[in-house]
Amino acid sequence: MSNVPLIALLTDFGAADGYPGVMKGVILGIAPGIPLVDLTHEIPPQDVRAAAWVLHTSWRSFPGGSVFLCVVDPGVGSARHPLAFHAGRHTFVGPDNGLFSYVLADQTNIRAVILDNPRYFPKGASATFHGRDIFAPAAAWLATGVAIEELGSALAAESLVRFAPPQPLWERDTLVAHCTHIDRFGNILTDVCGAEAQAVFAAPSVSLTIAGHTITARARTFAEGPEGALFLYQDSSGYLAIARRNGSAAVTLALPSPDIFKMTLRLSGIAFPG
């Protein structure tokens, strides 16, 4: 049995205005009854890197055939391309501004197009709301079974805008890593995952330094973390993270979200997993 397609929406529009609802109205006008999932509308305004991270840790949980409509678009109306592409069993729609960097780094066999076929988009598209006038219609048409090649001109996968996802690196016996995301609970996620994250919890003792603080406590769950202190845990996507039980690690460290990608941390006490 084939999967029923759905459209997952990720934006920085918030809930105060009608922007997400208007996009849904456009979609349902083209694809009545299509399931719509609000992945999130609470990406910090214009924060393309935060959007890329949330998409990175979310899209694999969706069934094949899903369409991801992602609109965090500080360059709306500029020369940046409106984009749709297939990667694996999923389809992604949004601005070509780096938002899809993690997906592109993870996937091969990318088929991409510029959304420029006027047959599928209303005349007189707004210069400031491509989410309504270009991206929402594209996602809806794709969900109804229109081939991606019908929506516009082919675009070489290697030309798509992307930033290099951060990667931890070894400096002798110290792992230098990077902060990647702060969730709404104030937990701080890092780019340490896989064997290196497992090594953090297998070592007899570990020391992490960040923003002038040293953290040595580790816990498997939030409830097991030390009361009122920072500790390390492995999040549900497999990444090393920093938390404070019944509190905010970001607030404790005075770590503002806009500066998160400038922050590094240093881990000692673990062995190189290779």
Protein backbone atom coordinates (compact mmCIF):
# COMPACT_ATOMS: atom_id res chain seq x y z
CA MET A 1 0.00 0.00 0.00
CA SER A 2 1.49 3.37 -1.01
CA ASN A 3 1.72 6.16 1.50
CA VAL A 4 -0.85 8.94 1.34
CA PRO A 5 1.15 12.13 0.71
CA LEU A 6 1.14 14.84 3.32
CA ILE A 7 2.55 18.35 3.51
CA ALA A 8 4.63 19.39 6.53
CA LEU A 9 5.01 23.13 7.09
CA LEU A 10 8.05 24.78 8.67
CA THR A 11 8.16 28.57 8.89
CA ASP A 12 9.21 31.54 11.03
CA PHE A 13 5.71 33.05 10.78
CA GLY A 14 4.64 32.39 14.38
CA ALA A 15 1.00 32.13 15.44
CA ALA A 16 0.01 35.78 15.84
CA ASP A 17 -0.73 36.49 12.17
CA GLY A 18 -2.67 34.71 9.48
CA TYR A 19 0.30 33.75 7.32
CA PRO A 20 0.36 29.98 8.07
CA GLY A 21 -3.41 29.75 7.75
CA VAL A 22 -3.41 31.55 4.41
CA MET A 23 -0.81 29.12 3.07
CA LYS A 24 -2.98 26.21 4.19
CA GLY A 25 -5.98 27.78 2.47
CA VAL A 26 -4.05 27.97 -0.80
CA ILE A 27 -2.94 24.35 -0.45
CA LEU A 28 -6.43 23.07 0.25
CA GLY A 29 -7.81 25.00 -2.71
CA ILE A 30 -5.51 22.94 -4.96
CA ALA A 31 -5.38 19.66 -3.02
CA PRO A 32 -8.59 19.33 -0.98
CA GLY A 33 -8.27 16.98 1.97
CA ILE A 34 -4.48 16.69 1.84
CA PRO A 35 -3.12 16.07 5.37
CA LEU A 36 -1.24 19.10 6.72
CA VAL A 37 1.27 18.85 9.56
CA ASP A 38 2.61 21.91 11.35
CA LEU A 39 6.20 20.92 11.96
CA THR A 40 6.77 24.35 13.49
CA HIS A 41 6.02 28.01 12.84
CA GLU A 42 8.26 29.17 15.69
CA ILE A 43 11.64 29.37 14.00
CA PRO A 44 13.25 32.65 15.14
CA PRO A 45 12.59 35.29 12.46
CA GLN A 46 14.97 35.06 9.50
CA ASP A 47 17.06 32.37 11.21
CA VAL A 48 17.88 30.12 8.27
CA ARG A 49 20.41 28.03 10.22
CA ALA A 50 17.94 27.28 13.00
CA ALA A 51 15.38 26.23 10.40
CA ALA A 52 17.95 24.00 8.71
CA TRP A 53 18.71 22.26 12.02
CA VAL A 54 15.05 21.66 12.92
CA LEU A 55 14.42 20.22 9.46
CA HIS A 56 17.54 18.08 9.74
CA THR A 57 16.38 16.45 12.98
CA SER A 58 12.77 16.02 11.84
CA TRP A 59 12.28 15.00 8.23
CA ARG A 60 13.29 11.34 8.57
CA SER A 61 10.34 10.73 10.92
CA PHE A 62 7.86 11.35 8.10
CA PRO A 63 6.56 8.71 5.66
CA GLY A 64 7.81 8.46 2.12
CA GLY A 65 6.01 10.78 -0.24
CA SER A 66 5.87 13.63 2.26
CA VAL A 67 6.35 17.18 0.97
CA PHE A 68 8.19 19.64 3.21
CA LEU A 69 7.09 23.23 2.70
CA CYS A 70 9.78 25.35 4.35
CA VAL A 71 9.56 29.14 4.37
CA VAL A 72 12.24 31.03 6.27
CA ASP A 73 13.07 33.55 3.62
CA PRO A 74 14.86 36.79 4.53
CA GLY A 75 15.71 37.21 0.84
CA VAL A 76 12.12 37.03 -0.43
CA GLY A 77 11.75 39.06 -3.62
CA SER A 78 15.49 38.99 -4.32
CA ALA A 79 17.39 37.03 -6.93
CA ARG A 80 17.45 33.86 -4.81
CA HIS A 81 15.66 30.96 -6.53
CA PRO A 82 12.31 29.55 -5.42
CA LEU A 83 13.13 25.87 -5.28
CA ALA A 84 11.69 22.37 -5.23
CA PHE A 85 13.72 19.19 -5.12
CA HIS A 86 13.41 15.46 -4.60
CA ALA A 87 15.81 13.76 -2.18
CA GLY A 88 15.30 10.08 -1.45
CA ARG A 89 11.60 9.46 -0.88
CA HIS A 90 10.77 13.04 0.11
CA THR A 91 10.23 16.37 -1.62
CA PHE A 92 11.28 19.79 -0.34
CA VAL A 93 9.95 23.21 -1.34
CA GLY A 94 11.30 26.59 -0.27
CA PRO A 95 13.88 29.29 -0.94
CA ASP A 96 17.33 28.37 -2.18
CA ASN A 97 19.12 30.12 0.69
CA GLY A 98 20.86 27.37 2.66
CA LEU A 99 17.77 26.20 4.54
CA PHE A 100 18.20 22.71 3.06
CA SER A 101 21.94 22.43 3.76
CA TYR A 102 21.75 19.41 6.08
CA VAL A 103 19.39 17.52 3.76
CA LEU A 104 21.65 18.17 0.79
CA ALA A 105 24.73 17.08 2.74
CA ASP A 106 23.01 13.82 3.70
CA GLN A 107 21.36 12.86 0.41
CA THR A 108 22.48 12.03 -3.11
CA ASN A 109 20.55 11.79 -6.38
CA ILE A 110 18.97 15.24 -5.99
CA ARG A 111 16.49 16.39 -8.66
CA ALA A 112 15.84 20.12 -8.41
CA VAL A 113 13.88 22.77 -10.29
CA ILE A 114 13.34 26.51 -10.15
CA LEU A 115 9.64 27.21 -9.59
CA ASP A 116 9.11 29.29 -12.71
CA ASN A 117 6.36 27.61 -14.75
CA PRO A 118 3.53 30.21 -14.75
CA ARG A 119 0.97 27.49 -15.45
CA TYR A 120 1.12 26.46 -11.79
CA PHE A 121 1.37 29.81 -10.04
CA PRO A 122 -1.03 32.77 -9.85
CA LYS A 123 -0.32 35.88 -11.87
CA GLY A 124 0.95 38.91 -9.99
CA ALA A 125 2.74 37.04 -7.20
CA SER A 126 3.52 39.25 -4.22
CA ALA A 127 7.14 40.34 -3.87
CA THR A 128 6.94 39.74 -0.11
CA PHE A 129 4.82 36.57 0.34
CA HIS A 130 6.20 33.79 -1.82
CA GLY A 131 5.03 31.35 0.84
CA ARG A 132 1.46 31.99 -0.26
CA ASP A 133 1.96 32.65 -3.98
CA ILE A 134 4.77 30.28 -5.03
CA PHE A 135 5.76 27.75 -2.36
CA ALA A 136 2.30 26.73 -1.13
CA PRO A 137 0.96 26.13 -4.67
CA ALA A 138 4.10 24.17 -5.58
CA ALA A 139 3.77 21.92 -2.53
CA ALA A 140 0.09 21.36 -3.25
CA TRP A 141 0.65 20.47 -6.89
CA LEU A 142 3.43 18.07 -5.95
CA ALA A 143 1.19 16.39 -3.38
CA THR A 144 -1.46 15.85 -6.04
CA GLY A 145 1.04 13.97 -8.19
CA VAL A 146 2.31 16.65 -10.58
CA ALA A 147 5.86 15.75 -11.61
CA ILE A 148 8.50 18.04 -10.18
CA GLU A 149 9.86 18.66 -13.68
CA GLU A 150 6.52 20.23 -14.64
CA LEU A 151 6.92 23.02 -12.12
CA GLY A 152 9.91 24.72 -13.66
CA SER A 153 13.40 24.74 -15.10
CA ALA A 154 15.95 22.13 -14.07
CA LEU A 155 18.56 23.26 -11.56
CA ALA A 156 21.87 21.46 -11.03
CA ALA A 157 22.10 20.00 -7.53
CA GLU A 158 25.66 21.24 -7.10
CA SER A 159 24.50 24.82 -7.65
CA LEU A 160 22.09 24.82 -4.71
CA VAL A 161 22.99 27.25 -1.93
CA ARG A 162 24.25 25.53 1.18
CA PHE A 163 26.42 26.18 4.20
CA ALA A 164 28.83 23.59 5.52
CA PRO A 165 27.18 21.88 8.52
CA PRO A 166 29.44 22.19 11.56
CA GLN A 167 31.58 19.19 12.41
CA PRO A 168 33.49 18.45 15.62
CA LEU A 169 37.25 18.07 15.28
CA TRP A 170 40.04 16.65 17.37
CA GLU A 171 42.87 18.79 18.69
CA ARG A 172 45.18 16.21 20.21
CA ASP A 173 43.19 14.74 23.11
CA THR A 174 40.43 17.36 23.09
CA LEU A 175 37.27 17.30 20.99
CA VAL A 176 36.32 20.79 19.84
CA ALA A 177 32.63 20.92 19.02
CA HIS A 178 29.97 23.48 18.20
CA CYS A 179 26.57 24.54 19.46
CA THR A 180 23.87 23.99 16.85
CA HIS A 181 20.50 24.73 18.43
CA ILE A 182 18.72 25.91 21.57
CA ASP A 183 15.29 24.37 22.04
CA ARG A 184 12.39 26.02 23.86
CA PHE A 185 13.44 24.38 27.14
CA GLY A 186 16.87 25.99 26.94
CA ASN A 187 18.64 22.73 26.14
CA ILE A 188 21.77 23.30 24.05
CA LEU A 189 22.40 20.85 21.24
CA THR A 190 25.81 20.22 19.71
CA ASP A 191 27.21 18.63 16.57
CA VAL A 192 28.65 15.66 18.49
CA CYS A 193 26.86 12.45 17.54
CA GLY A 194 27.45 8.80 16.66
CA ALA A 195 30.55 7.12 18.05
CA GLU A 196 31.86 10.35 19.57
CA ALA A 197 28.66 10.94 21.52
CA GLN A 198 28.71 7.35 22.75
CA ALA A 199 32.33 7.77 23.81
CA VAL A 200 31.33 10.70 26.02
CA PHE A 201 29.12 8.39 28.08
CA ALA A 202 31.47 5.40 28.00
CA ALA A 203 34.44 7.31 29.45
CA PRO A 204 35.08 7.09 33.22
CA SER A 205 34.93 10.88 33.44
CA VAL A 206 34.48 13.78 31.04
CA SER A 207 35.05 17.49 31.28
CA LEU A 208 33.30 19.96 29.00
CA THR A 209 34.07 23.67 28.97
CA ILE A 210 31.77 26.25 27.42
CA ALA A 211 31.32 29.98 28.00
CA GLY A 212 33.61 29.89 31.04
CA HIS A 213 31.76 26.98 32.68
CA THR A 214 32.96 23.43 33.25
CA ILE A 215 30.47 20.57 33.12
CA THR A 216 31.27 17.06 34.31
CA ALA A 217 27.87 15.55 35.17
CA ARG A 218 26.17 13.16 32.75
CA ALA A 219 22.69 11.66 32.77
CA ARG A 220 20.61 9.33 30.62
CA THR A 221 17.33 11.20 31.28
CA PHE A 222 16.33 14.65 32.50
CA ALA A 223 14.98 13.19 35.73
CA GLU A 224 18.37 11.60 36.45
CA GLY A 225 20.24 14.89 36.03
CA PRO A 226 21.60 16.63 39.13
CA GLU A 227 19.17 19.13 40.62
CA GLY A 228 20.04 22.74 39.74
CA ALA A 229 23.21 21.88 37.81
CA LEU A 230 24.25 21.58 34.20
CA PHE A 231 24.75 18.09 32.79
CA LEU A 232 25.33 16.28 29.50
CA TYR A 233 22.83 13.94 27.88
CA GLN A 234 22.21 12.39 24.47
CA ASP A 235 19.13 13.82 22.81
CA SER A 236 16.47 11.87 20.91
CA SER A 237 18.27 12.46 17.59
CA GLY A 238 21.53 11.07 18.97
CA TYR A 239 23.35 14.37 19.53
CA LEU A 240 25.24 15.37 22.64
CA ALA A 241 23.37 18.13 24.47
CA ILE A 242 23.57 20.24 27.61
CA ALA A 243 20.63 20.60 29.99
CA ARG A 244 19.71 21.86 33.41
CA ARG A 245 17.13 19.86 35.31
CA ASN A 246 13.95 21.90 35.76
CA GLY A 247 15.74 24.89 34.30
CA SER A 248 17.40 26.35 31.22
CA ALA A 249 20.99 25.58 30.30
CA ALA A 250 21.01 28.52 27.87
CA VAL A 251 19.91 30.95 30.58
CA THR A 252 22.42 29.52 33.06
CA LEU A 253 25.20 30.02 30.52
CA ALA A 254 23.82 33.40 29.40
CA LEU A 255 23.93 32.02 25.87
CA PRO A 256 21.74 34.10 23.53
CA SER A 257 20.21 32.25 20.61
CA PRO A 258 21.49 34.60 17.85
CA ASP A 259 25.08 33.79 18.83
CA ILE A 260 24.62 30.04 19.13
CA PHE A 261 26.58 29.13 15.98
CA LYS A 262 29.56 31.15 17.18
CA MET A 263 29.90 29.08 20.34
CA THR A 264 32.35 26.21 20.68
CA LEU A 265 32.87 23.72 23.46
CA ARG A 266 35.82 21.56 24.40
CA LEU A 267 35.54 17.99 25.61
CA SER A 268 38.39 16.22 27.37
CA GLY A 269 38.61 12.83 28.98
CA ILE A 270 37.31 10.81 26.04
CA ALA A 271 39.29 8.69 23.64
CA PHE A 272 39.28 9.18 19.88
CA PRO A 273 36.60 6.65 18.79
CA GLY A 274 38.39 5.66 15.59
